[in-house]
Amino acid sequence: MTKADIVNEIAKNTGIEKVAVQKTVEAFMETVKDAMISGNNVYLRGFGSFIVKKRAKKTARNISKNTTIIIPAHNIPAFKPAKTFITKVKDKVKK
């Protein structure tokens, strides 16, 4: 599902114009990005959390050149779904 698909679904379900829905979805995404860039987590009860994970410094190997490199500690964005969300997906999606 793409952002356009999400906008179309919300517009269809709510009756709000697609332009307004698109601005709202983009504003939501910008707000989440800005919060995470500043180091804050975003919690959406019943859906999940957008969290900033801290990765520790580590040593990696470049096998083709037979060298080691140091990867410094860094932060990455991550999404952790809520437990209720996980159970609903597990129950509905069958392989």
PDB file of N, CA and C in Angstrom:
ATOM      1  N   MET A   1       0.850  -1.172   0.000  1.00  0.00           N
ATOM      2  CA  MET A   1       0.000   0.000   0.000  1.00  0.00           C
ATOM      3  C   MET A   1       0.894   1.232   0.000  1.00  0.00           C
ATOM      4  N   THR A   2       0.624   2.151  -0.913  1.00  0.00           N
ATOM      5  CA  THR A   2       1.430   3.369  -1.020  1.00  0.00           C
ATOM      6  C   THR A   2       0.749   4.518  -0.282  1.00  0.00           C
ATOM      7  N   LYS A   3       1.459   5.648  -0.215  1.00  0.00           N
ATOM      8  CA  LYS A   3       0.869   6.832   0.419  1.00  0.00           C
ATOM      9  C   LYS A   3      -0.388   7.264  -0.328  1.00  0.00           C
ATOM     10  N   ALA A   4      -0.371   7.176  -1.653  1.00  0.00           N
ATOM     11  CA  ALA A   4      -1.549   7.536  -2.453  1.00  0.00           C
ATOM     12  C   ALA A   4      -2.724   6.616  -2.129  1.00  0.00           C
ATOM     13  N   ASP A   5      -2.453   5.327  -1.942  1.00  0.00           N
ATOM     14  CA  ASP A   5      -3.511   4.382  -1.571  1.00  0.00           C
ATOM     15  C   ASP A   5      -4.095   4.729  -0.206  1.00  0.00           C
ATOM     16  N   ILE A   6      -3.249   5.096   0.726  1.00  0.00           N
ATOM     17  CA  ILE A   6      -3.715   5.484   2.063  1.00  0.00           C
ATOM     18  C   ILE A   6      -4.588   6.721   1.970  1.00  0.00           C
ATOM     19  N   VAL A   7      -4.151   7.712   1.204  1.00  0.00           N
ATOM     20  CA  VAL A   7      -4.934   8.946   1.036  1.00  0.00           C
ATOM     21  C   VAL A   7      -6.295   8.618   0.421  1.00  0.00           C
ATOM     22  N   ASN A   8      -6.321   7.777  -0.592  1.00  0.00           N
ATOM     23  CA  ASN A   8      -7.584   7.402  -1.238  1.00  0.00           C
ATOM     24  C   ASN A   8      -8.516   6.684  -0.272  1.00  0.00           C
ATOM     25  N   GLU A   9      -7.982   5.754   0.530  1.00  0.00           N
ATOM     26  CA  GLU A   9      -8.795   5.026   1.506  1.00  0.00           C
ATOM     27  C   GLU A   9      -9.394   5.962   2.544  1.00  0.00           C
ATOM     28  N   ILE A  10      -8.574   6.857   3.088  1.00  0.00           N
ATOM     29  CA  ILE A  10      -9.066   7.789   4.110  1.00  0.00           C
ATOM     30  C   ILE A  10     -10.115   8.711   3.515  1.00  0.00           C
ATOM     31  N   ALA A  11      -9.878   9.211   2.302  1.00  0.00           N
ATOM     32  CA  ALA A  11     -10.845  10.095   1.654  1.00  0.00           C
ATOM     33  C   ALA A  11     -12.159   9.365   1.405  1.00  0.00           C
ATOM     34  N   LYS A  12     -12.070   8.121   0.990  1.00  0.00           N
ATOM     35  CA  LYS A  12     -13.282   7.331   0.721  1.00  0.00           C
ATOM     36  C   LYS A  12     -14.056   7.059   2.008  1.00  0.00           C
ATOM     37  N   ASN A  13     -13.340   6.721   3.094  1.00  0.00           N
ATOM     38  CA  ASN A  13     -13.994   6.364   4.351  1.00  0.00           C
ATOM     39  C   ASN A  13     -14.546   7.558   5.115  1.00  0.00           C
ATOM     40  N   THR A  14     -13.927   8.733   4.951  1.00  0.00           N
ATOM     41  CA  THR A  14     -14.349   9.901   5.730  1.00  0.00           C
ATOM     42  C   THR A  14     -15.162  10.910   4.936  1.00  0.00           C
ATOM     43  N   GLY A  15     -15.034  10.894   3.616  1.00  0.00           N
ATOM     44  CA  GLY A  15     -15.730  11.879   2.795  1.00  0.00           C
ATOM     45  C   GLY A  15     -14.995  13.209   2.707  1.00  0.00           C
ATOM     46  N   ILE A  16     -13.795  13.276   3.227  1.00  0.00           N
ATOM     47  CA  ILE A  16     -12.985  14.490   3.162  1.00  0.00           C
ATOM     48  C   ILE A  16     -12.269  14.501   1.814  1.00  0.00           C
ATOM     49  N   GLU A  17     -12.031  15.686   1.270  1.00  0.00           N
ATOM     50  CA  GLU A  17     -11.361  15.804  -0.019  1.00  0.00           C
ATOM     51  C   GLU A  17      -9.948  15.224   0.043  1.00  0.00           C
ATOM     52  N   LYS A  18      -9.522  14.651  -1.090  1.00  0.00           N
ATOM     53  CA  LYS A  18      -8.203  14.018  -1.147  1.00  0.00           C
ATOM     54  C   LYS A  18      -7.081  15.009  -0.872  1.00  0.00           C
ATOM     55  N   VAL A  19      -7.235  16.246  -1.321  1.00  0.00           N
ATOM     56  CA  VAL A  19      -6.186  17.250  -1.111  1.00  0.00           C
ATOM     57  C   VAL A  19      -5.980  17.505   0.380  1.00  0.00           C
ATOM     58  N   ALA A  20      -7.081  17.618   1.128  1.00  0.00           N
ATOM     59  CA  ALA A  20      -6.986  17.854   2.572  1.00  0.00           C
ATOM     60  C   ALA A  20      -6.403  16.641   3.277  1.00  0.00           C
ATOM     61  N   VAL A  21      -6.809  15.455   2.843  1.00  0.00           N
ATOM     62  CA  VAL A  21      -6.283  14.230   3.452  1.00  0.00           C
ATOM     63  C   VAL A  21      -4.789  14.105   3.178  1.00  0.00           C
ATOM     64  N   GLN A  22      -4.369  14.425   1.954  1.00  0.00           N
ATOM     65  CA  GLN A  22      -2.951  14.328   1.610  1.00  0.00           C
ATOM     66  C   GLN A  22      -2.125  15.295   2.451  1.00  0.00           C
ATOM     67  N   LYS A  23      -2.605  16.518   2.641  1.00  0.00           N
ATOM     68  CA  LYS A  23      -1.887  17.481   3.481  1.00  0.00           C
ATOM     69  C   LYS A  23      -1.788  16.977   4.913  1.00  0.00           C
ATOM     70  N   THR A  24      -2.856  16.362   5.403  1.00  0.00           N
ATOM     71  CA  THR A  24      -2.862  15.845   6.768  1.00  0.00           C
ATOM     72  C   THR A  24      -1.880  14.686   6.923  1.00  0.00           C
ATOM     73  N   VAL A  25      -1.885  13.761   5.976  1.00  0.00           N
ATOM     74  CA  VAL A  25      -0.972  12.614   6.035  1.00  0.00           C
ATOM     75  C   VAL A  25       0.478  13.094   5.970  1.00  0.00           C
ATOM     76  N   GLU A  26       0.764  14.032   5.064  1.00  0.00           N
ATOM     77  CA  GLU A  26       2.129  14.547   4.952  1.00  0.00           C
ATOM     78  C   GLU A  26       2.548  15.317   6.200  1.00  0.00           C
ATOM     79  N   ALA A  27       1.603  16.074   6.797  1.00  0.00           N
ATOM     80  CA  ALA A  27       1.911  16.798   8.033  1.00  0.00           C
ATOM     81  C   ALA A  27       2.197  15.814   9.167  1.00  0.00           C
ATOM     82  N   PHE A  28       1.436  14.719   9.220  1.00  0.00           N
ATOM     83  CA  PHE A  28       1.675  13.679  10.233  1.00  0.00           C
ATOM     84  C   PHE A  28       3.073  13.095  10.072  1.00  0.00           C
ATOM     85  N   MET A  29       3.441  12.755   8.846  1.00  0.00           N
ATOM     86  CA  MET A  29       4.752  12.158   8.608  1.00  0.00           C
ATOM     87  C   MET A  29       5.869  13.139   8.946  1.00  0.00           C
ATOM     88  N   GLU A  30       5.702  14.393   8.603  1.00  0.00           N
ATOM     89  CA  GLU A  30       6.724  15.410   8.931  1.00  0.00           C
ATOM     90  C   GLU A  30       6.859  15.574  10.441  1.00  0.00           C
ATOM     91  N   THR A  31       5.732  15.558  11.153  1.00  0.00           N
ATOM     92  CA  THR A  31       5.755  15.699  12.608  1.00  0.00           C
ATOM     93  C   THR A  31       6.497  14.536  13.248  1.00  0.00           C
ATOM     94  N   VAL A  32       6.223  13.317  12.768  1.00  0.00           N
ATOM     95  CA  VAL A  32       6.911  12.136  13.297  1.00  0.00           C
ATOM     96  C   VAL A  32       8.405  12.227  12.995  1.00  0.00           C
ATOM     97  N   LYS A  33       8.765  12.591  11.766  1.00  0.00           N
ATOM     98  CA  LYS A  33      10.181  12.712  11.403  1.00  0.00           C
ATOM     99  C   LYS A  33      10.885  13.766  12.252  1.00  0.00           C
ATOM    100  N   ASP A  34      10.251  14.937  12.410  1.00  0.00           N
ATOM    101  CA  ASP A  34      10.863  16.009  13.195  1.00  0.00           C
ATOM    102  C   ASP A  34      11.071  15.587  14.648  1.00  0.00           C
ATOM    103  N   ALA A  35      10.080  14.883  15.215  1.00  0.00           N
ATOM    104  CA  ALA A  35      10.201  14.420  16.598  1.00  0.00           C
ATOM    105  C   ALA A  35      11.350  13.440  16.739  1.00  0.00           C
ATOM    106  N   MET A  36      11.468  12.531  15.778  1.00  0.00           N
ATOM    107  CA  MET A  36      12.526  11.521  15.866  1.00  0.00           C
ATOM    108  C   MET A  36      13.910  12.125  15.609  1.00  0.00           C
ATOM    109  N   ILE A  37      13.989  13.108  14.716  1.00  0.00           N
ATOM    110  CA  ILE A  37      15.264  13.773  14.455  1.00  0.00           C
ATOM    111  C   ILE A  37      15.755  14.484  15.713  1.00  0.00           C
ATOM    112  N   SER A  38      14.818  15.031  16.491  1.00  0.00           N
ATOM    113  CA  SER A  38      15.211  15.712  17.722  1.00  0.00           C
ATOM    114  C   SER A  38      15.416  14.731  18.882  1.00  0.00           C
ATOM    115  N   GLY A  39      15.282  13.424  18.626  1.00  0.00           N
ATOM    116  CA  GLY A  39      15.578  12.422  19.650  1.00  0.00           C
ATOM    117  C   GLY A  39      14.383  11.949  20.445  1.00  0.00           C
ATOM    118  N   ASN A  40      13.183  12.363  20.070  1.00  0.00           N
ATOM    119  CA  ASN A  40      11.980  11.961  20.798  1.00  0.00           C
ATOM    120  C   ASN A  40      11.319  10.765  20.124  1.00  0.00           C
ATOM    121  N   ASN A  41      10.712   9.903  20.934  1.00  0.00           N
ATOM    122  CA  ASN A  41       9.929   8.789  20.413  1.00  0.00           C
ATOM    123  C   ASN A  41       8.483   9.236  20.250  1.00  0.00           C
ATOM    124  N   VAL A  42       7.756   8.576  19.344  1.00  0.00           N
ATOM    125  CA  VAL A  42       6.348   8.887  19.102  1.00  0.00           C
ATOM    126  C   VAL A  42       5.539   7.641  19.433  1.00  0.00           C
ATOM    127  N   TYR A  43       4.591   7.760  20.366  1.00  0.00           N
ATOM    128  CA  TYR A  43       3.788   6.633  20.818  1.00  0.00           C
ATOM    129  C   TYR A  43       2.345   6.801  20.355  1.00  0.00           C
ATOM    130  N   LEU A  44       1.839   5.827  19.607  1.00  0.00           N
ATOM    131  CA  LEU A  44       0.449   5.822  19.157  1.00  0.00           C
ATOM    132  C   LEU A  44      -0.215   4.584  19.762  1.00  0.00           C
ATOM    133  N   ARG A  45      -0.947   4.793  20.844  1.00  0.00           N
ATOM    134  CA  ARG A  45      -1.545   3.689  21.587  1.00  0.00           C
ATOM    135  C   ARG A  45      -2.455   2.859  20.685  1.00  0.00           C
ATOM    136  N   GLY A  46      -2.272   1.547  20.713  1.00  0.00           N
ATOM    137  CA  GLY A  46      -3.062   0.633  19.909  1.00  0.00           C
ATOM    138  C   GLY A  46      -2.503   0.418  18.512  1.00  0.00           C
ATOM    139  N   PHE A  47      -1.542   1.229  18.090  1.00  0.00           N
ATOM    140  CA  PHE A  47      -0.934   1.095  16.765  1.00  0.00           C
ATOM    141  C   PHE A  47       0.531   0.690  16.884  1.00  0.00           C
ATOM    142  N   GLY A  48       1.318   1.515  17.581  1.00  0.00           N
ATOM    143  CA  GLY A  48       2.730   1.207  17.760  1.00  0.00           C
ATOM    144  C   GLY A  48       3.528   2.435  18.113  1.00  0.00           C
ATOM    145  N   SER A  49       4.833   2.266  18.145  1.00  0.00           N
ATOM    146  CA  SER A  49       5.729   3.348  18.531  1.00  0.00           C
ATOM    147  C   SER A  49       6.806   3.531  17.476  1.00  0.00           C
ATOM    148  N   PHE A  50       7.064   4.776  17.137  1.00  0.00           N
ATOM    149  CA  PHE A  50       8.204   5.134  16.301  1.00  0.00           C
ATOM    150  C   PHE A  50       9.306   5.507  17.273  1.00  0.00           C
ATOM    151  N   ILE A  51      10.357   4.706  17.311  1.00  0.00           N
ATOM    152  CA  ILE A  51      11.392   4.898  18.325  1.00  0.00           C
ATOM    153  C   ILE A  51      12.745   5.124  17.669  1.00  0.00           C
ATOM    154  N   VAL A  52      13.639   5.765  18.427  1.00  0.00           N
ATOM    155  CA  VAL A  52      15.017   5.975  17.994  1.00  0.00           C
ATOM    156  C   VAL A  52      15.863   4.930  18.714  1.00  0.00           C
ATOM    157  N   LYS A  53      16.470   4.029  17.935  1.00  0.00           N
ATOM    158  CA  LYS A  53      17.321   2.994  18.510  1.00  0.00           C
ATOM    159  C   LYS A  53      18.773   3.441  18.436  1.00  0.00           C
ATOM    160  N   LYS A  54      19.514   3.120  19.482  1.00  0.00           N
ATOM    161  CA  LYS A  54      20.931   3.444  19.527  1.00  0.00           C
ATOM    162  C   LYS A  54      21.727   2.192  19.173  1.00  0.00           C
ATOM    163  N   ARG A  55      22.557   2.290  18.154  1.00  0.00           N
ATOM    164  CA  ARG A  55      23.429   1.189  17.758  1.00  0.00           C
ATOM    165  C   ARG A  55      24.817   1.452  18.324  1.00  0.00           C
ATOM    166  N   ALA A  56      25.396   0.457  18.918  1.00  0.00           N
ATOM    167  CA  ALA A  56      26.721   0.588  19.520  1.00  0.00           C
ATOM    168  C   ALA A  56      27.812   0.564  18.452  1.00  0.00           C
ATOM    169  N   LYS A  57      28.985   1.067  18.823  1.00  0.00           N
ATOM    170  CA  LYS A  57      30.150   1.019  17.938  1.00  0.00           C
ATOM    171  C   LYS A  57      30.526  -0.438  17.723  1.00  0.00           C
ATOM    172  N   LYS A  58      30.895  -0.778  16.486  1.00  0.00           N
ATOM    173  CA  LYS A  58      31.277  -2.162  16.226  1.00  0.00           C
ATOM    174  C   LYS A  58      32.355  -2.238  15.156  1.00  0.00           C
ATOM    175  N   THR A  59      33.006  -3.376  15.100  1.00  0.00           N
ATOM    176  CA  THR A  59      34.030  -3.642  14.114  1.00  0.00           C
ATOM    177  C   THR A  59      33.428  -4.534  13.035  1.00  0.00           C
ATOM    178  N   ALA A  60      33.627  -4.147  11.781  1.00  0.00           N
ATOM    179  CA  ALA A  60      33.120  -4.929  10.654  1.00  0.00           C
ATOM    180  C   ALA A  60      34.284  -5.311   9.759  1.00  0.00           C
ATOM    181  N   ARG A  61      34.042  -6.278   8.890  1.00  0.00           N
ATOM    182  CA  ARG A  61      35.096  -6.728   7.986  1.00  0.00           C
ATOM    183  C   ARG A  61      34.656  -6.573   6.551  1.00  0.00           C
ATOM    184  N   ASN A  62      35.582  -6.100   5.713  1.00  0.00           N
ATOM    185  CA  ASN A  62      35.402  -6.074   4.272  1.00  0.00           C
ATOM    186  C   ASN A  62      36.131  -7.311   3.751  1.00  0.00           C
ATOM    187  N   ILE A  63      35.384  -8.361   3.437  1.00  0.00           N
ATOM    188  CA  ILE A  63      35.984  -9.645   3.082  1.00  0.00           C
ATOM    189  C   ILE A  63      36.785  -9.559   1.788  1.00  0.00           C
ATOM    190  N   SER A  64      36.283  -8.782   0.809  1.00  0.00           N
ATOM    191  CA  SER A  64      36.974  -8.724  -0.482  1.00  0.00           C
ATOM    192  C   SER A  64      38.352  -8.070  -0.373  1.00  0.00           C
ATOM    193  N   LYS A  65      38.504  -7.096   0.527  1.00  0.00           N
ATOM    194  CA  LYS A  65      39.798  -6.421   0.696  1.00  0.00           C
ATOM    195  C   LYS A  65      40.558  -6.937   1.913  1.00  0.00           C
ATOM    196  N   ASN A  66      39.929  -7.818   2.687  1.00  0.00           N
ATOM    197  CA  ASN A  66      40.509  -8.380   3.902  1.00  0.00           C
ATOM    198  C   ASN A  66      40.954  -7.283   4.873  1.00  0.00           C
ATOM    199  N   THR A  67      40.060  -6.320   5.102  1.00  0.00           N
ATOM    200  CA  THR A  67      40.344  -5.227   6.030  1.00  0.00           C
ATOM    201  C   THR A  67      39.221  -5.133   7.062  1.00  0.00           C
ATOM    202  N   THR A  68      39.522  -4.489   8.158  1.00  0.00           N
ATOM    203  CA  THR A  68      38.497  -4.235   9.174  1.00  0.00           C
ATOM    204  C   THR A  68      38.227  -2.740   9.211  1.00  0.00           C
ATOM    205  N   ILE A  69      36.990  -2.415   9.483  1.00  0.00           N
ATOM    206  CA  ILE A  69      36.605  -1.013   9.632  1.00  0.00           C
ATOM    207  C   ILE A  69      35.819  -0.860  10.922  1.00  0.00           C
ATOM    208  N   ILE A  70      35.867   0.316  11.470  1.00  0.00           N
ATOM    209  CA  ILE A  70      35.120   0.630  12.685  1.00  0.00           C
ATOM    210  C   ILE A  70      33.865   1.387  12.277  1.00  0.00           C
ATOM    211  N   ILE A  71      32.714   0.853  12.676  1.00  0.00           N
ATOM    212  CA  ILE A  71      31.451   1.546  12.443  1.00  0.00           C
ATOM    213  C   ILE A  71      31.115   2.269  13.744  1.00  0.00           C
ATOM    214  N   PRO A  72      31.040   3.601  13.717  1.00  0.00           N
ATOM    215  CA  PRO A  72      30.797   4.338  14.959  1.00  0.00           C
ATOM    216  C   PRO A  72      29.376   4.126  15.488  1.00  0.00           C
ATOM    217  N   ALA A  73      29.168   4.445  16.749  1.00  0.00           N
ATOM    218  CA  ALA A  73      27.835   4.377  17.335  1.00  0.00           C
ATOM    219  C   ALA A  73      26.935   5.368  16.603  1.00  0.00           C
ATOM    220  N   HIS A  74      25.678   4.969  16.389  1.00  0.00           N
ATOM    221  CA  HIS A  74      24.753   5.844  15.671  1.00  0.00           C
ATOM    222  C   HIS A  74      23.314   5.508  16.061  1.00  0.00           C
ATOM    223  N   ASN A  75      22.414   6.393  15.708  1.00  0.00           N
ATOM    224  CA  ASN A  75      20.990   6.204  15.980  1.00  0.00           C
ATOM    225  C   ASN A  75      20.265   5.878  14.687  1.00  0.00           C
ATOM    226  N   ILE A  76      19.244   5.004  14.782  1.00  0.00           N
ATOM    227  CA  ILE A  76      18.435   4.684  13.615  1.00  0.00           C
ATOM    228  C   ILE A  76      16.958   4.741  14.004  1.00  0.00           C
ATOM    229  N   PRO A  77      16.082   5.116  13.066  1.00  0.00           N
ATOM    230  CA  PRO A  77      14.655   5.092  13.358  1.00  0.00           C
ATOM    231  C   PRO A  77      14.120   3.671  13.249  1.00  0.00           C
ATOM    232  N   ALA A  78      13.128   3.355  14.070  1.00  0.00           N
ATOM    233  CA  ALA A  78      12.524   2.022  14.042  1.00  0.00           C
ATOM    234  C   ALA A  78      11.049   2.134  14.406  1.00  0.00           C
ATOM    235  N   PHE A  79      10.288   1.125  14.016  1.00  0.00           N
ATOM    236  CA  PHE A  79       8.870   1.053  14.374  1.00  0.00           C
ATOM    237  C   PHE A  79       8.639  -0.212  15.165  1.00  0.00           C
ATOM    238  N   LYS A  80       7.963  -0.077  16.297  1.00  0.00           N
ATOM    239  CA  LYS A  80       7.622  -1.230  17.119  1.00  0.00           C
ATOM    240  C   LYS A  80       6.100  -1.288  17.223  1.00  0.00           C
ATOM    241  N   PRO A  81       5.460  -2.279  16.589  1.00  0.00           N
ATOM    242  CA  PRO A  81       4.000  -2.348  16.629  1.00  0.00           C
ATOM    243  C   PRO A  81       3.486  -2.700  18.018  1.00  0.00           C
ATOM    244  N   ALA A  82       2.257  -2.263  18.301  1.00  0.00           N
ATOM    245  CA  ALA A  82       1.616  -2.561  19.580  1.00  0.00           C
ATOM    246  C   ALA A  82       1.257  -4.044  19.637  1.00  0.00           C
ATOM    247  N   LYS A  83       1.156  -4.583  20.840  1.00  0.00           N
ATOM    248  CA  LYS A  83       0.860  -6.012  20.998  1.00  0.00           C
ATOM    249  C   LYS A  83      -0.488  -6.375  20.385  1.00  0.00           C
ATOM    250  N   THR A  84      -1.488  -5.505  20.539  1.00  0.00           N
ATOM    251  CA  THR A  84      -2.800  -5.802  19.962  1.00  0.00           C
ATOM    252  C   THR A  84      -2.729  -5.814  18.438  1.00  0.00           C
ATOM    253  N   PHE A  85      -1.925  -4.928  17.877  1.00  0.00           N
ATOM    254  CA  PHE A  85      -1.724  -4.873  16.427  1.00  0.00           C
ATOM    255  C   PHE A  85      -1.048  -6.154  15.937  1.00  0.00           C
ATOM    256  N   ILE A  86      -0.041  -6.612  16.663  1.00  0.00           N
ATOM    257  CA  ILE A  86       0.680  -7.825  16.293  1.00  0.00           C
ATOM    258  C   ILE A  86      -0.252  -9.034  16.309  1.00  0.00           C
ATOM    259  N   THR A  87      -1.066  -9.160  17.348  1.00  0.00           N
ATOM    260  CA  THR A  87      -1.954 -10.321  17.434  1.00  0.00           C
ATOM    261  C   THR A  87      -3.012 -10.295  16.337  1.00  0.00           C
ATOM    262  N   LYS A  88      -3.513  -9.125  15.992  1.00  0.00           N
ATOM    263  CA  LYS A  88      -4.494  -9.043  14.906  1.00  0.00           C
ATOM    264  C   LYS A  88      -3.891  -9.462  13.576  1.00  0.00           C
ATOM    265  N   VAL A  89      -2.662  -9.030  13.320  1.00  0.00           N
ATOM    266  CA  VAL A  89      -1.985  -9.411  12.068  1.00  0.00           C
ATOM    267  C   VAL A  89      -1.716 -10.905  12.060  1.00  0.00           C
ATOM    268  N   LYS A  90      -1.249 -11.456  13.181  1.00  0.00           N
ATOM    269  CA  LYS A  90      -0.976 -12.895  13.254  1.00  0.00           C
ATOM    270  C   LYS A  90      -2.235 -13.718  13.017  1.00  0.00           C
ATOM    271  N   ASP A  91      -3.373 -13.255  13.558  1.00  0.00           N
ATOM    272  CA  ASP A  91      -4.617 -14.007  13.419  1.00  0.00           C
ATOM    273  C   ASP A  91      -5.191 -13.930  12.006  1.00  0.00           C
ATOM    274  N   LYS A  92      -5.027 -12.799  11.339  1.00  0.00           N
ATOM    275  CA  LYS A  92      -5.643 -12.584  10.028  1.00  0.00           C
ATOM    276  C   LYS A  92      -4.791 -13.053   8.858  1.00  0.00           C
ATOM    277  N   VAL A  93      -3.492 -12.818   8.918  1.00  0.00           N
ATOM    278  CA  VAL A  93      -2.611 -13.150   7.794  1.00  0.00           C
ATOM    279  C   VAL A  93      -2.201 -14.615   7.931  1.00  0.00           C
ATOM    280  N   LYS A  94      -2.555 -15.399   6.926  1.00  0.00           N
ATOM    281  CA  LYS A  94      -2.204 -16.820   6.934  1.00  0.00           C
ATOM    282  C   LYS A  94      -1.351 -17.127   5.724  1.00  0.00           C
ATOM    283  N   LYS A  95      -0.371 -17.968   5.921  1.00  0.00           N
ATOM    284  CA  LYS A  95       0.553 -18.310   4.831  1.00  0.00           C
ATOM    285  C   LYS A  95      -0.005 -19.424   3.986  1.00  0.00           C
TER     286      LYS A  95
END
